[in-house]
Amino acid sequence: MAKPTTIKIRLNSEANTGFYYVAKKNTRTMTEKMSVRKYDPKVRKHVEFKEGKIK
């Protein structure tokens, strides 16, 4: 079978709160690690979220 084009990734908060989002990423078009500014409700601010593996 063919390898799927999209994978699930975990976006971990850079504020070290343990909060994370789960997102989908197209591996063929986005080869580098994903980094997004999103809302972290534990610190009640927008912070940087970086890609990590889902365990």
N, C-alpha and C. Protein backbone atom coordinates (compact mmCIF):
# COMPACT_ATOMS: atom_id res chain seq x y z
N MET A 1 0.83 -1.19 0.00
CA MET A 1 0.00 0.00 0.00
C MET A 1 0.87 1.25 0.00
N ALA A 2 0.27 2.32 -0.47
CA ALA A 2 0.99 3.59 -0.52
C ALA A 2 1.04 4.24 0.86
N LYS A 3 2.07 5.03 1.08
CA LYS A 3 2.22 5.77 2.33
C LYS A 3 1.21 6.93 2.33
N PRO A 4 0.51 7.16 3.45
CA PRO A 4 -0.47 8.26 3.48
C PRO A 4 0.23 9.63 3.36
N THR A 5 -0.46 10.58 2.73
CA THR A 5 0.14 11.91 2.53
C THR A 5 0.05 12.76 3.78
N THR A 6 -0.95 12.53 4.62
CA THR A 6 -1.08 13.33 5.83
C THR A 6 -0.82 12.47 7.07
N ILE A 7 -0.18 13.10 8.06
CA ILE A 7 0.07 12.43 9.33
C ILE A 7 -0.41 13.33 10.45
N LYS A 8 -0.70 12.74 11.60
CA LYS A 8 -1.07 13.52 12.77
C LYS A 8 0.19 13.90 13.53
N ILE A 9 0.25 15.16 13.96
CA ILE A 9 1.38 15.63 14.74
C ILE A 9 0.86 16.28 16.02
N ARG A 10 1.75 16.42 16.98
CA ARG A 10 1.41 17.04 18.25
C ARG A 10 2.14 18.38 18.32
N LEU A 11 1.40 19.46 18.55
CA LEU A 11 1.99 20.78 18.68
C LEU A 11 2.13 21.08 20.17
N ASN A 12 3.36 21.07 20.67
CA ASN A 12 3.66 21.27 22.09
C ASN A 12 3.91 22.75 22.37
N SER A 13 3.38 23.21 23.50
CA SER A 13 3.55 24.60 23.91
C SER A 13 5.00 24.86 24.31
N GLU A 14 5.54 25.99 23.88
CA GLU A 14 6.89 26.39 24.26
C GLU A 14 6.92 27.05 25.64
N ALA A 15 5.75 27.27 26.25
CA ALA A 15 5.69 27.84 27.59
C ALA A 15 5.85 26.77 28.66
N ASN A 16 6.08 25.52 28.26
CA ASN A 16 6.29 24.39 29.17
C ASN A 16 5.14 24.19 30.15
N THR A 17 3.92 24.30 29.64
CA THR A 17 2.74 24.07 30.48
C THR A 17 2.21 22.65 30.33
N GLY A 18 2.66 21.94 29.32
CA GLY A 18 2.15 20.60 29.06
C GLY A 18 0.95 20.59 28.14
N PHE A 19 0.46 21.76 27.76
CA PHE A 19 -0.69 21.85 26.87
C PHE A 19 -0.24 21.60 25.44
N TYR A 20 -1.10 20.93 24.65
CA TYR A 20 -0.76 20.64 23.26
C TYR A 20 -2.00 20.60 22.39
N TYR A 21 -1.80 20.80 21.10
CA TYR A 21 -2.83 20.64 20.08
C TYR A 21 -2.44 19.45 19.21
N VAL A 22 -3.43 18.81 18.60
CA VAL A 22 -3.18 17.76 17.62
C VAL A 22 -3.61 18.32 16.27
N ALA A 23 -2.73 18.19 15.27
CA ALA A 23 -3.00 18.73 13.95
C ALA A 23 -2.59 17.72 12.88
N LYS A 24 -3.07 17.94 11.67
CA LYS A 24 -2.66 17.12 10.54
C LYS A 24 -1.67 17.91 9.70
N LYS A 25 -0.73 17.20 9.10
CA LYS A 25 0.29 17.85 8.29
C LYS A 25 0.52 17.03 7.02
N ASN A 26 0.58 17.70 5.89
CA ASN A 26 0.88 17.04 4.63
C ASN A 26 2.41 16.89 4.53
N THR A 27 2.89 15.65 4.55
CA THR A 27 4.33 15.41 4.58
C THR A 27 5.02 15.69 3.25
N ARG A 28 4.27 15.69 2.18
CA ARG A 28 4.88 15.94 0.87
C ARG A 28 5.15 17.42 0.63
N THR A 29 4.26 18.29 1.12
CA THR A 29 4.44 19.73 0.88
C THR A 29 5.17 20.44 2.01
N MET A 30 5.02 19.94 3.25
CA MET A 30 5.68 20.55 4.42
C MET A 30 6.70 19.57 4.97
N THR A 31 7.93 19.68 4.50
CA THR A 31 8.96 18.73 4.93
C THR A 31 9.65 19.17 6.22
N GLU A 32 9.63 20.46 6.54
CA GLU A 32 10.28 20.94 7.75
C GLU A 32 9.32 20.84 8.94
N LYS A 33 9.85 21.05 10.15
CA LYS A 33 9.02 20.98 11.36
C LYS A 33 8.08 22.18 11.40
N MET A 34 6.86 21.93 11.87
CA MET A 34 5.83 22.95 11.91
C MET A 34 5.96 23.79 13.18
N SER A 35 5.74 25.09 13.05
CA SER A 35 5.80 26.00 14.19
C SER A 35 4.69 27.05 14.00
N VAL A 36 3.81 27.19 14.99
CA VAL A 36 2.63 28.05 14.88
C VAL A 36 2.43 28.79 16.19
N ARG A 37 1.93 30.04 16.11
CA ARG A 37 1.54 30.76 17.33
C ARG A 37 0.06 30.50 17.57
N LYS A 38 -0.25 29.91 18.72
CA LYS A 38 -1.62 29.58 19.08
C LYS A 38 -1.85 29.95 20.54
N TYR A 39 -3.11 29.84 20.96
CA TYR A 39 -3.50 30.21 22.32
C TYR A 39 -3.23 29.07 23.29
N ASP A 40 -2.58 29.40 24.40
CA ASP A 40 -2.36 28.44 25.48
C ASP A 40 -3.22 28.87 26.67
N PRO A 41 -4.28 28.11 26.98
CA PRO A 41 -5.19 28.52 28.05
C PRO A 41 -4.59 28.47 29.45
N LYS A 42 -3.51 27.73 29.64
CA LYS A 42 -2.91 27.64 30.98
C LYS A 42 -2.18 28.93 31.36
N VAL A 43 -1.55 29.59 30.38
CA VAL A 43 -0.91 30.88 30.66
C VAL A 43 -1.75 32.05 30.17
N ARG A 44 -2.87 31.73 29.49
CA ARG A 44 -3.82 32.71 28.96
C ARG A 44 -3.15 33.72 28.03
N LYS A 45 -2.30 33.21 27.13
CA LYS A 45 -1.61 34.03 26.14
C LYS A 45 -1.43 33.24 24.86
N HIS A 46 -1.09 33.94 23.79
CA HIS A 46 -0.68 33.29 22.56
C HIS A 46 0.82 33.02 22.67
N VAL A 47 1.21 31.78 22.44
CA VAL A 47 2.62 31.40 22.51
C VAL A 47 2.96 30.53 21.30
N GLU A 48 4.24 30.29 21.13
CA GLU A 48 4.74 29.45 20.03
C GLU A 48 4.50 27.98 20.36
N PHE A 49 4.00 27.23 19.38
CA PHE A 49 3.81 25.79 19.50
C PHE A 49 4.68 25.14 18.45
N LYS A 50 5.48 24.14 18.85
CA LYS A 50 6.36 23.44 17.92
C LYS A 50 5.98 21.98 17.81
N GLU A 51 6.30 21.41 16.68
CA GLU A 51 5.91 20.04 16.36
C GLU A 51 6.67 18.99 17.17
N GLY A 52 5.95 17.99 17.60
CA GLY A 52 6.54 16.84 18.28
C GLY A 52 5.81 15.58 17.86
N LYS A 53 6.32 14.44 18.27
CA LYS A 53 5.71 13.18 17.90
C LYS A 53 4.54 12.82 18.82
N ILE A 54 3.56 12.13 18.28
CA ILE A 54 2.48 11.58 19.09
C ILE A 54 2.95 10.24 19.60
N LYS A 55 2.89 10.03 20.89
CA LYS A 55 3.37 8.79 21.48
C LYS A 55 2.33 7.71 21.45
